[in-house]
Amino acid sequence: MRNGPLAVVGASVLWGTAGTAGLLVSADSVALAAARLVIGGAVLALLAGAGIRQAIRPGLLLGAVAVAAYQLCFFAAVGRTGVAIGTVVAIGSGPVFTGMLSWILHGRRPSGRWTVATTAAVCGCAALIVGGGAQAGGQVVSGVLFALLGGLLYAFYAVTAARAIEDGGESTAVMGTMFGGAALIMLPVLLLGGVGWLGEPRGLIAVLYLGLGTTALSYFLYGRGLRTTPVATAATLALAEPAVAALLGLVVLGERLAPISVAGLVMLALSLVAVAVPERERALESQA
């Protein structure tokens, strides 16, 4: 489990840069998400090559639908509740749902330390984002429901990918199958939304980075991480994403963090360290 958490955190760092890069694009958020997924999914499918044929199975095809649906649910949520609440609920509920699904579907009960650290990490994430002062929109109830559905969809495709890799699937082929399928689903969304904005040099560079860096490379690393990292742990480590986004806003965009956000950042960092360090009993089992 030495390199697994590092790979997951590396993926989370890349995800955290997406918001800053997206500011360079004039397209609406749904079109941007579709373009990002189409480019990243196509690259992951190409990297998988012929391995996709062996990886194709009903579960991964459902995972592809979940990947695409997550994008739509997330943006539907933030459109109704505002960025703060939508992001906290969607990203914060992901690790909780992942731990529950891993337990229900595969009998892997999360440890007590995972439960405590994940609870603290979600609270830190909430303090970090809400401390930014963003306000909620008018359709809070429906927006929260969309965000919760998004968190559940994320958990489903994460658990599905982890199970396929554990059963002997090559991580690149597993991710290529899911995200290549999701790219096909989102292609009509991109085309219907219009692609004229891709003619702008700044927009094209930004979307290429979003597709290649924050999708293709990040999920390549995430798949590698799932080889040796329990999926519930990986989902909690992925909460590094909002921390990176906040730090980029501070350094690059000149934003300021409120005291509650600073406290949330510290709590989140300590929680991720607690989750990343292997528990002694499990570490001894893996060495046996």
Protein backbone atom coordinates (compact mmCIF):
# COMPACT_ATOMS: atom_id res chain seq x y z
CA MET A 1 0.00 0.00 0.00
CA ARG A 2 3.06 2.26 -0.16
CA ASN A 3 2.48 3.95 -3.52
CA GLY A 4 -1.29 3.52 -3.78
CA PRO A 5 -2.27 6.47 -1.57
CA LEU A 6 0.31 8.67 -3.31
CA ALA A 7 -1.23 7.87 -6.69
CA VAL A 8 -4.72 8.69 -5.39
CA VAL A 9 -3.53 11.97 -3.87
CA GLY A 10 -1.77 12.78 -7.16
CA ALA A 11 -5.08 12.29 -8.96
CA SER A 12 -6.82 14.52 -6.40
CA VAL A 13 -4.24 17.27 -6.88
CA LEU A 14 -4.97 17.25 -10.62
CA TRP A 15 -8.73 17.35 -9.99
CA GLY A 16 -8.19 20.33 -7.72
CA THR A 17 -6.69 22.36 -10.58
CA ALA A 18 -9.78 21.96 -12.76
CA GLY A 19 -11.67 24.94 -11.36
CA THR A 20 -8.82 27.37 -11.96
CA ALA A 21 -8.26 26.07 -15.49
CA GLY A 22 -11.98 26.29 -16.21
CA LEU A 23 -11.93 30.04 -15.59
CA LEU A 24 -10.08 30.43 -18.90
CA VAL A 25 -13.04 29.05 -20.87
CA SER A 26 -16.09 31.03 -21.94
CA ALA A 27 -18.33 27.95 -22.37
CA ASP A 28 -21.02 27.00 -19.87
CA SER A 29 -20.16 24.42 -17.25
CA VAL A 30 -22.09 21.52 -18.83
CA ALA A 31 -20.39 21.98 -22.22
CA LEU A 32 -17.02 22.24 -20.49
CA ALA A 33 -17.63 19.06 -18.49
CA ALA A 34 -18.72 17.25 -21.64
CA ALA A 35 -15.63 18.35 -23.58
CA ARG A 36 -13.37 17.39 -20.70
CA LEU A 37 -14.91 13.94 -20.45
CA VAL A 38 -14.92 13.33 -24.21
CA ILE A 39 -11.22 14.18 -24.52
CA GLY A 40 -10.12 12.41 -21.35
CA GLY A 41 -12.26 9.35 -21.97
CA ALA A 42 -10.99 9.00 -25.52
CA VAL A 43 -7.37 9.16 -24.33
CA LEU A 44 -7.96 6.58 -21.60
CA ALA A 45 -9.62 4.29 -24.14
CA LEU A 46 -6.64 4.67 -26.49
CA LEU A 47 -4.22 3.92 -23.65
CA ALA A 48 -6.16 0.77 -22.83
CA GLY A 49 -5.99 -0.38 -26.45
CA ALA A 50 -6.98 -3.98 -27.01
CA GLY A 51 -7.30 -4.48 -23.26
CA ILE A 52 -10.77 -2.93 -23.44
CA ARG A 53 -12.10 -6.04 -25.15
CA GLN A 54 -11.16 -8.15 -22.15
CA ALA A 55 -12.32 -5.54 -19.64
CA ILE A 56 -15.82 -5.02 -21.08
CA ARG A 57 -18.41 -6.38 -18.69
CA PRO A 58 -21.91 -5.27 -17.62
CA GLY A 59 -20.67 -3.70 -14.38
CA LEU A 60 -18.14 -1.46 -16.12
CA LEU A 61 -20.71 -0.43 -18.73
CA LEU A 62 -23.00 0.64 -15.90
CA GLY A 63 -19.99 2.41 -14.44
CA ALA A 64 -19.63 4.35 -17.69
CA VAL A 65 -23.24 5.50 -17.40
CA ALA A 66 -22.56 6.52 -13.79
CA VAL A 67 -19.48 8.56 -14.81
CA ALA A 68 -21.52 10.51 -17.36
CA ALA A 69 -24.53 10.89 -15.08
CA TYR A 70 -22.33 12.17 -12.25
CA GLN A 71 -21.26 15.14 -14.37
CA LEU A 72 -24.85 16.09 -15.12
CA CYS A 73 -26.02 15.62 -11.52
CA PHE A 74 -23.17 17.69 -10.12
CA PHE A 75 -23.83 20.67 -12.35
CA ALA A 76 -27.58 20.36 -11.82
CA ALA A 77 -26.87 20.49 -8.07
CA VAL A 78 -24.61 23.55 -8.08
CA GLY A 79 -27.02 25.31 -10.42
CA ARG A 80 -29.78 24.95 -7.84
CA THR A 81 -27.95 25.30 -4.53
CA GLY A 82 -24.88 27.33 -5.41
CA VAL A 83 -21.30 26.15 -5.60
CA ALA A 84 -20.68 25.83 -1.85
CA ILE A 85 -23.57 23.59 -0.81
CA GLY A 86 -23.61 21.58 -4.03
CA THR A 87 -19.87 20.87 -3.84
CA VAL A 88 -19.90 20.00 -0.13
CA VAL A 89 -22.81 17.57 -0.48
CA ALA A 90 -21.61 15.91 -3.69
CA ILE A 91 -17.92 15.60 -2.82
CA GLY A 92 -18.49 15.09 0.90
CA SER A 93 -21.06 12.32 0.47
CA GLY A 94 -18.87 10.42 -2.00
CA PRO A 95 -16.56 8.79 0.59
CA VAL A 96 -19.51 7.97 2.85
CA PHE A 97 -21.42 6.24 0.04
CA THR A 98 -18.23 4.50 -1.09
CA GLY A 99 -17.64 3.03 2.36
CA MET A 100 -21.28 1.93 2.59
CA LEU A 101 -21.33 0.33 -0.87
CA SER A 102 -18.02 -1.43 -0.26
CA TRP A 103 -19.47 -2.85 2.95
CA ILE A 104 -22.89 -3.78 1.54
CA LEU A 105 -21.74 -5.21 -1.80
CA HIS A 106 -18.42 -6.78 -0.82
CA GLY A 107 -18.61 -7.21 2.94
CA ARG A 108 -15.72 -4.86 3.67
CA ARG A 109 -16.63 -3.01 6.81
CA PRO A 110 -14.65 0.25 7.16
CA SER A 111 -12.42 0.52 10.21
CA GLY A 112 -13.18 2.78 13.14
CA ARG A 113 -10.24 5.00 12.26
CA TRP A 114 -11.53 5.39 8.70
CA THR A 115 -14.96 6.39 10.05
CA VAL A 116 -13.57 9.02 12.42
CA ALA A 117 -11.05 10.40 9.92
CA THR A 118 -13.59 10.51 7.10
CA THR A 119 -16.13 12.31 9.29
CA ALA A 120 -13.48 14.87 10.22
CA ALA A 121 -12.40 15.21 6.59
CA VAL A 122 -15.97 15.86 5.42
CA CYS A 123 -16.42 18.47 8.17
CA GLY A 124 -13.13 20.08 7.18
CA CYS A 125 -14.21 20.09 3.55
CA ALA A 126 -17.50 21.74 4.49
CA ALA A 127 -15.77 24.41 6.58
CA LEU A 128 -13.23 25.06 3.83
CA ILE A 129 -15.82 25.61 1.11
CA VAL A 130 -18.63 27.25 3.08
CA GLY A 131 -16.09 29.60 4.64
CA GLY A 132 -15.62 31.07 1.19
CA GLY A 133 -18.92 32.86 1.61
CA ALA A 134 -20.78 31.39 -1.41
CA GLN A 135 -24.53 31.57 -1.07
CA ALA A 136 -27.16 28.95 -1.78
CA GLY A 137 -29.57 29.20 -4.66
CA GLY A 138 -33.33 29.03 -4.47
CA GLN A 139 -33.96 25.34 -5.22
CA VAL A 140 -32.03 23.94 -2.30
CA VAL A 141 -33.99 20.70 -1.73
CA SER A 142 -33.86 19.48 -5.32
CA GLY A 143 -30.25 20.63 -5.59
CA VAL A 144 -29.21 18.67 -2.50
CA LEU A 145 -30.96 15.59 -3.88
CA PHE A 146 -29.04 15.94 -7.15
CA ALA A 147 -25.81 16.35 -5.18
CA LEU A 148 -26.52 13.24 -3.10
CA LEU A 149 -27.29 11.30 -6.26
CA GLY A 150 -23.99 12.54 -7.69
CA GLY A 151 -22.13 11.32 -4.59
CA LEU A 152 -23.82 7.93 -4.91
CA LEU A 153 -22.93 7.70 -8.61
CA TYR A 154 -19.31 8.53 -7.86
CA ALA A 155 -19.25 5.84 -5.17
CA PHE A 156 -20.78 3.32 -7.56
CA TYR A 157 -18.25 3.79 -10.33
CA ALA A 158 -15.35 3.90 -7.85
CA VAL A 159 -16.42 0.65 -6.18
CA THR A 160 -17.11 -0.93 -9.58
CA ALA A 161 -13.65 -0.02 -10.86
CA ALA A 162 -11.96 -1.21 -7.67
CA ARG A 163 -13.77 -4.56 -7.85
CA ALA A 164 -12.84 -5.08 -11.49
CA ILE A 165 -9.17 -4.30 -10.75
CA GLU A 166 -9.20 -6.59 -7.73
CA ASP A 167 -10.63 -9.40 -9.89
CA GLY A 168 -7.58 -9.20 -12.14
CA GLY A 169 -8.51 -6.43 -14.55
CA GLU A 170 -5.69 -4.15 -15.68
CA SER A 171 -6.32 -0.72 -14.19
CA THR A 172 -5.78 1.17 -17.45
CA ALA A 173 -8.21 -1.13 -19.28
CA VAL A 174 -10.82 -0.74 -16.53
CA MET A 175 -10.61 3.05 -16.57
CA GLY A 176 -10.47 3.09 -20.37
CA THR A 177 -13.66 1.06 -20.56
CA MET A 178 -15.60 3.22 -18.12
CA PHE A 179 -14.42 6.60 -19.30
CA GLY A 180 -14.35 5.66 -22.97
CA GLY A 181 -17.98 4.64 -22.63
CA ALA A 182 -18.78 7.84 -20.76
CA ALA A 183 -17.12 9.85 -23.54
CA LEU A 184 -19.47 8.28 -26.09
CA ILE A 185 -22.45 9.15 -23.91
CA MET A 186 -21.35 12.77 -23.45
CA LEU A 187 -20.39 13.38 -27.08
CA PRO A 188 -23.98 14.26 -28.12
CA VAL A 189 -24.20 16.63 -25.14
CA LEU A 190 -21.07 18.40 -26.35
CA LEU A 191 -22.26 18.63 -29.94
CA LEU A 192 -25.74 19.85 -29.00
CA GLY A 193 -24.22 22.52 -26.75
CA GLY A 194 -22.04 23.86 -29.57
CA VAL A 195 -18.27 23.67 -30.02
CA GLY A 196 -17.58 27.13 -31.40
CA TRP A 197 -15.86 28.15 -28.18
CA LEU A 198 -13.16 25.56 -28.88
CA GLY A 199 -11.91 27.84 -31.64
CA GLU A 200 -10.56 30.27 -29.04
CA PRO A 201 -6.85 29.48 -28.41
CA ARG A 202 -7.14 30.06 -24.67
CA GLY A 203 -10.25 27.92 -24.44
CA LEU A 204 -8.72 25.12 -26.51
CA ILE A 205 -5.58 25.01 -24.36
CA ALA A 206 -7.65 24.99 -21.18
CA VAL A 207 -9.95 22.19 -22.31
CA LEU A 208 -7.00 20.12 -23.52
CA TYR A 209 -5.47 20.44 -20.08
CA LEU A 210 -8.78 19.55 -18.45
CA GLY A 211 -9.18 16.50 -20.66
CA LEU A 212 -5.57 15.27 -20.67
CA GLY A 213 -4.48 16.32 -17.17
CA THR A 214 -7.52 16.44 -14.90
CA THR A 215 -9.28 13.47 -16.50
CA ALA A 216 -6.98 11.12 -18.45
CA LEU A 217 -3.85 11.38 -16.29
CA SER A 218 -5.76 11.75 -13.02
CA TYR A 219 -7.90 8.65 -13.54
CA PHE A 220 -4.89 6.73 -14.83
CA LEU A 221 -3.28 7.49 -11.45
CA TYR A 222 -6.50 6.78 -9.58
CA GLY A 223 -6.75 3.37 -11.22
CA ARG A 224 -3.15 2.63 -10.27
CA GLY A 225 -3.92 3.68 -6.72
CA LEU A 226 -6.90 1.33 -6.51
CA ARG A 227 -4.59 -1.62 -7.11
CA THR A 228 -3.32 -1.45 -3.54
CA THR A 229 -5.57 1.05 -1.77
CA PRO A 230 -9.02 0.10 -0.40
CA VAL A 231 -11.64 2.02 -2.35
CA ALA A 232 -13.13 3.57 0.81
CA THR A 233 -9.70 4.94 1.72
CA ALA A 234 -9.16 6.19 -1.84
CA ALA A 235 -12.48 8.03 -1.79
CA THR A 236 -11.53 9.81 1.42
CA LEU A 237 -8.08 10.73 0.09
CA ALA A 238 -9.82 12.24 -2.94
CA LEU A 239 -11.08 14.97 -0.60
CA ALA A 240 -7.68 16.57 -1.15
CA GLU A 241 -9.30 18.02 -4.29
CA PRO A 242 -11.10 20.98 -2.61
CA ALA A 243 -8.00 21.71 -0.53
CA VAL A 244 -5.88 22.06 -3.67
CA ALA A 245 -8.56 24.19 -5.31
CA ALA A 246 -8.62 26.50 -2.28
CA LEU A 247 -4.83 26.84 -2.21
CA LEU A 248 -4.76 27.65 -5.93
CA GLY A 249 -7.41 30.30 -5.38
CA LEU A 250 -5.24 31.75 -2.63
CA VAL A 251 -1.95 31.70 -4.57
CA VAL A 252 -3.00 32.15 -8.20
CA LEU A 253 -6.26 34.08 -8.03
CA GLY A 254 -5.46 36.22 -5.01
CA GLU A 255 -8.44 35.00 -3.00
CA ARG A 256 -8.51 35.12 0.79
CA LEU A 257 -9.41 32.34 3.18
CA ALA A 258 -11.66 33.08 6.13
CA PRO A 259 -10.52 31.74 9.55
CA ILE A 260 -13.12 28.95 9.35
CA SER A 261 -11.71 27.93 5.97
CA VAL A 262 -8.17 27.82 7.35
CA ALA A 263 -9.38 25.64 10.23
CA GLY A 264 -11.18 23.40 7.75
CA LEU A 265 -8.03 23.12 5.63
CA VAL A 266 -5.97 22.04 8.65
CA MET A 267 -8.63 19.54 9.76
CA LEU A 268 -8.86 18.13 6.25
CA ALA A 269 -5.08 17.75 5.95
CA LEU A 270 -4.75 15.97 9.30
CA SER A 271 -7.65 13.65 8.43
CA LEU A 272 -6.12 12.68 5.09
CA VAL A 273 -2.81 11.88 6.78
CA ALA A 274 -4.66 9.69 9.29
CA VAL A 275 -6.40 7.81 6.47
CA ALA A 276 -3.27 7.45 4.33
CA VAL A 277 -1.11 5.85 7.02
CA PRO A 278 -1.83 2.09 7.05
CA GLU A 279 -3.26 0.67 10.24
CA ARG A 280 -0.76 -1.52 12.04
CA GLU A 281 -2.85 -4.68 11.99
CA ARG A 282 -3.60 -4.42 8.28
CA ALA A 283 -0.01 -3.51 7.48
CA LEU A 284 1.18 -6.66 9.26
CA GLU A 285 -1.41 -8.72 7.38
CA SER A 286 -0.19 -7.39 4.02
CA GLN A 287 3.41 -8.31 4.92
CA ALA A 288 2.46 -11.82 5.97
